[in-house]
Amino acid sequence: MKKLIICAICAICGFTSINAQKVAVIDMEYILKNIPAYERANEQLGQVSKQWQAEVDALNAEAQTLYKNYQNEVVFLSKEQKKAKQDAIVDKEKQAAELKKHYFGPEGELFKKRTALMNPIQEEVYNVIKDIAELRGYQLVLDRASDAGIIFSSPKIDISSEVLRKLGYAN
């Protein structure tokens, strides 16, 4: 019984201290959409991605053409010629797969380019959010755009517009 009372007191004290913490909410999606440099970076990434995808598609098309030609000629080819054509098709498919991995893989060129373009913007936004949180005494700042766990937040605790103003993008 004594343990139960102590646990209840600890729980009540814990809930009381949680209620005393100051919390703010931001909408990172809203903030980033209002930063022109972020939009330009997204457009640039989209253009580069399309260009690289076209290169990969061209290699895949070449492999498809080689395969169709092989199918049309297969009855006329010797065993060595069949093997050579099959090897050429497999080689072209491997080239396409390697190029795709080079551009779009986890450590590919698109990832590197996205990191180079987006990290400075995200770092600047993070630093402003941190400054505002420290200035106003917020212990927790939540992003309602990326967290599906937030069902409702009062507009009074949303500091997104303040972040934009401090970044120099009046709203």
Protein backbone atom coordinates (compact mmCIF):
# COMPACT_ATOMS: atom_id res chain seq x y z
CA MET A 1 0.00 0.00 0.00
CA LYS A 2 2.83 2.32 0.91
CA LYS A 3 4.49 1.67 -2.48
CA LEU A 4 1.23 2.46 -4.29
CA ILE A 5 0.90 5.82 -2.52
CA ILE A 6 4.54 6.71 -3.28
CA CYS A 7 4.04 5.76 -6.97
CA ALA A 8 0.88 7.90 -7.12
CA ILE A 9 2.69 10.89 -5.60
CA CYS A 10 5.59 10.47 -8.06
CA ALA A 11 3.17 10.27 -10.98
CA ILE A 12 1.31 13.41 -9.86
CA CYS A 13 4.61 15.28 -9.45
CA GLY A 14 5.71 14.09 -12.88
CA PHE A 15 2.50 15.29 -14.54
CA THR A 16 2.76 18.61 -12.75
CA SER A 17 6.30 19.18 -14.00
CA ILE A 18 5.26 18.26 -17.56
CA ASN A 19 2.47 20.83 -17.43
CA ALA A 20 4.93 23.49 -16.32
CA GLN A 21 7.07 23.07 -19.45
CA LYS A 22 6.61 25.57 -22.24
CA VAL A 23 5.86 24.12 -25.65
CA ALA A 24 5.79 25.68 -29.11
CA VAL A 25 4.70 24.39 -32.48
CA ILE A 26 6.09 25.10 -35.93
CA ASP A 27 4.96 24.10 -39.40
CA MET A 28 8.22 23.30 -41.18
CA GLU A 29 6.42 22.77 -44.48
CA TYR A 30 4.93 26.28 -44.27
CA ILE A 31 8.28 27.79 -43.30
CA LEU A 32 10.23 26.13 -46.11
CA LYS A 33 7.60 26.97 -48.75
CA ASN A 34 8.04 30.63 -47.85
CA ILE A 35 11.82 30.58 -48.31
CA PRO A 36 12.65 31.32 -51.97
CA ALA A 37 16.09 29.67 -51.76
CA TYR A 38 14.44 26.41 -50.70
CA GLU A 39 12.01 26.54 -53.63
CA ARG A 40 14.88 27.27 -56.07
CA ALA A 41 16.87 24.37 -54.64
CA ASN A 42 13.87 22.06 -55.09
CA GLU A 43 13.46 23.19 -58.70
CA GLN A 44 17.16 22.67 -59.36
CA LEU A 45 17.01 19.17 -57.86
CA GLY A 46 13.97 18.37 -59.99
CA GLN A 47 15.72 19.46 -63.19
CA VAL A 48 18.89 17.53 -62.41
CA SER A 49 16.86 14.49 -61.46
CA LYS A 50 14.95 14.57 -64.77
CA GLN A 51 18.19 14.91 -66.71
CA TRP A 52 19.79 11.97 -64.91
CA GLN A 53 16.64 9.87 -65.26
CA ALA A 54 16.69 10.54 -69.01
CA GLU A 55 20.25 9.19 -69.18
CA VAL A 56 19.23 6.03 -67.31
CA ASP A 57 16.14 5.64 -69.52
CA ALA A 58 18.30 5.98 -72.65
CA LEU A 59 20.52 3.11 -71.52
CA ASN A 60 17.47 1.00 -70.70
CA ALA A 61 16.03 1.78 -74.15
CA GLU A 62 19.30 0.68 -75.75
CA ALA A 63 19.13 -2.58 -73.82
CA GLN A 64 15.52 -3.09 -74.95
CA THR A 65 16.50 -2.44 -78.58
CA LEU A 66 19.37 -4.91 -78.33
CA TYR A 67 16.98 -7.49 -76.85
CA LYS A 68 14.34 -6.97 -79.58
CA ASN A 69 17.00 -7.26 -82.27
CA TYR A 70 18.29 -10.41 -80.61
CA GLN A 71 14.79 -11.93 -80.56
CA ASN A 72 14.34 -11.17 -84.27
CA GLU A 73 17.73 -12.65 -85.22
CA VAL A 74 18.04 -15.53 -82.74
CA VAL A 75 17.13 -18.29 -85.24
CA PHE A 76 19.87 -17.13 -87.63
CA LEU A 77 22.67 -16.80 -85.08
CA SER A 78 25.35 -19.29 -84.19
CA LYS A 79 25.93 -20.33 -80.59
CA GLU A 80 28.85 -17.87 -80.24
CA GLN A 81 26.85 -15.02 -81.78
CA LYS A 82 23.93 -15.72 -79.41
CA LYS A 83 26.27 -15.63 -76.45
CA ALA A 84 27.86 -12.38 -77.63
CA LYS A 85 24.47 -10.71 -78.14
CA GLN A 86 23.21 -11.93 -74.75
CA ASP A 87 26.36 -10.63 -73.07
CA ALA A 88 25.91 -7.26 -74.80
CA ILE A 89 22.31 -7.05 -73.54
CA VAL A 90 23.29 -7.99 -69.99
CA ASP A 91 26.18 -5.51 -70.09
CA LYS A 92 23.89 -2.67 -71.21
CA GLU A 93 21.38 -3.53 -68.46
CA LYS A 94 24.21 -3.54 -65.90
CA GLN A 95 25.39 -0.14 -67.15
CA ALA A 96 21.87 1.26 -66.70
CA ALA A 97 21.59 -0.22 -63.21
CA GLU A 98 25.01 1.11 -62.19
CA LEU A 99 24.21 4.57 -63.56
CA LYS A 100 20.90 4.58 -61.71
CA LYS A 101 22.66 3.59 -58.49
CA HIS A 102 25.34 6.25 -59.10
CA TYR A 103 22.73 8.99 -59.50
CA PHE A 104 19.86 7.86 -57.28
CA GLY A 105 21.37 5.41 -54.77
CA PRO A 106 21.53 6.04 -51.02
CA GLU A 107 24.93 7.73 -51.37
CA GLY A 108 24.36 8.82 -54.97
CA GLU A 109 24.80 12.15 -56.67
CA LEU A 110 21.20 13.27 -56.04
CA PHE A 111 21.63 12.64 -52.31
CA LYS A 112 24.90 14.60 -52.29
CA LYS A 113 23.40 17.46 -54.26
CA ARG A 114 20.30 17.57 -52.03
CA THR A 115 22.52 17.64 -48.95
CA ALA A 116 24.68 20.43 -50.37
CA LEU A 117 21.67 22.56 -51.33
CA MET A 118 19.29 21.90 -48.44
CA ASN A 119 21.52 21.57 -45.39
CA PRO A 120 22.50 25.26 -45.20
CA ILE A 121 18.83 26.30 -45.40
CA GLN A 122 17.71 23.73 -42.85
CA GLU A 123 20.58 24.63 -40.54
CA GLU A 124 19.64 28.32 -40.68
CA VAL A 125 15.99 27.52 -39.90
CA TYR A 126 17.04 25.22 -37.05
CA ASN A 127 19.28 27.91 -35.54
CA VAL A 128 16.49 30.50 -35.64
CA ILE A 129 14.06 28.05 -34.02
CA LYS A 130 16.66 27.29 -31.36
CA ASP A 131 17.23 31.03 -30.73
CA ILE A 132 13.50 31.69 -30.36
CA ALA A 133 13.09 28.67 -28.08
CA GLU A 134 15.93 29.82 -25.83
CA LEU A 135 14.70 33.41 -25.82
CA ARG A 136 11.15 32.45 -24.84
CA GLY A 137 12.06 29.51 -22.61
CA TYR A 138 10.49 26.70 -24.67
CA GLN A 139 11.62 23.27 -23.58
CA LEU A 140 10.00 21.58 -26.58
CA VAL A 141 9.27 22.68 -30.15
CA LEU A 142 7.17 20.30 -32.22
CA ASP A 143 6.78 20.23 -36.00
CA ARG A 144 3.14 19.68 -36.77
CA ALA A 145 3.85 19.17 -40.48
CA SER A 146 5.89 16.02 -39.96
CA ASP A 147 4.40 14.50 -36.82
CA ALA A 148 1.11 12.71 -37.32
CA GLY A 149 0.81 12.45 -33.53
CA ILE A 150 -0.28 16.07 -33.16
CA ILE A 151 -4.03 16.20 -33.49
CA PHE A 152 -4.54 19.81 -32.46
CA SER A 153 -2.34 22.71 -31.51
CA SER A 154 -3.38 26.18 -30.55
CA PRO A 155 -2.38 28.90 -33.00
CA LYS A 156 -1.14 30.82 -29.95
CA ILE A 157 1.86 28.50 -29.60
CA ASP A 158 2.68 28.36 -33.34
CA ILE A 159 5.91 30.29 -33.92
CA SER A 160 6.22 29.60 -37.68
CA SER A 161 5.58 33.21 -38.70
CA GLU A 162 8.07 34.45 -36.13
CA VAL A 163 10.69 32.08 -37.53
CA LEU A 164 10.08 33.46 -41.03
CA ARG A 165 10.31 37.05 -39.80
CA LYS A 166 13.58 36.34 -38.02
CA LEU A 167 14.92 34.73 -41.21
CA GLY A 168 14.05 37.91 -43.08
CA TYR A 169 10.94 36.70 -44.89
CA ALA A 170 8.17 38.95 -43.63
CA ASN A 171 4.79 37.33 -43.54
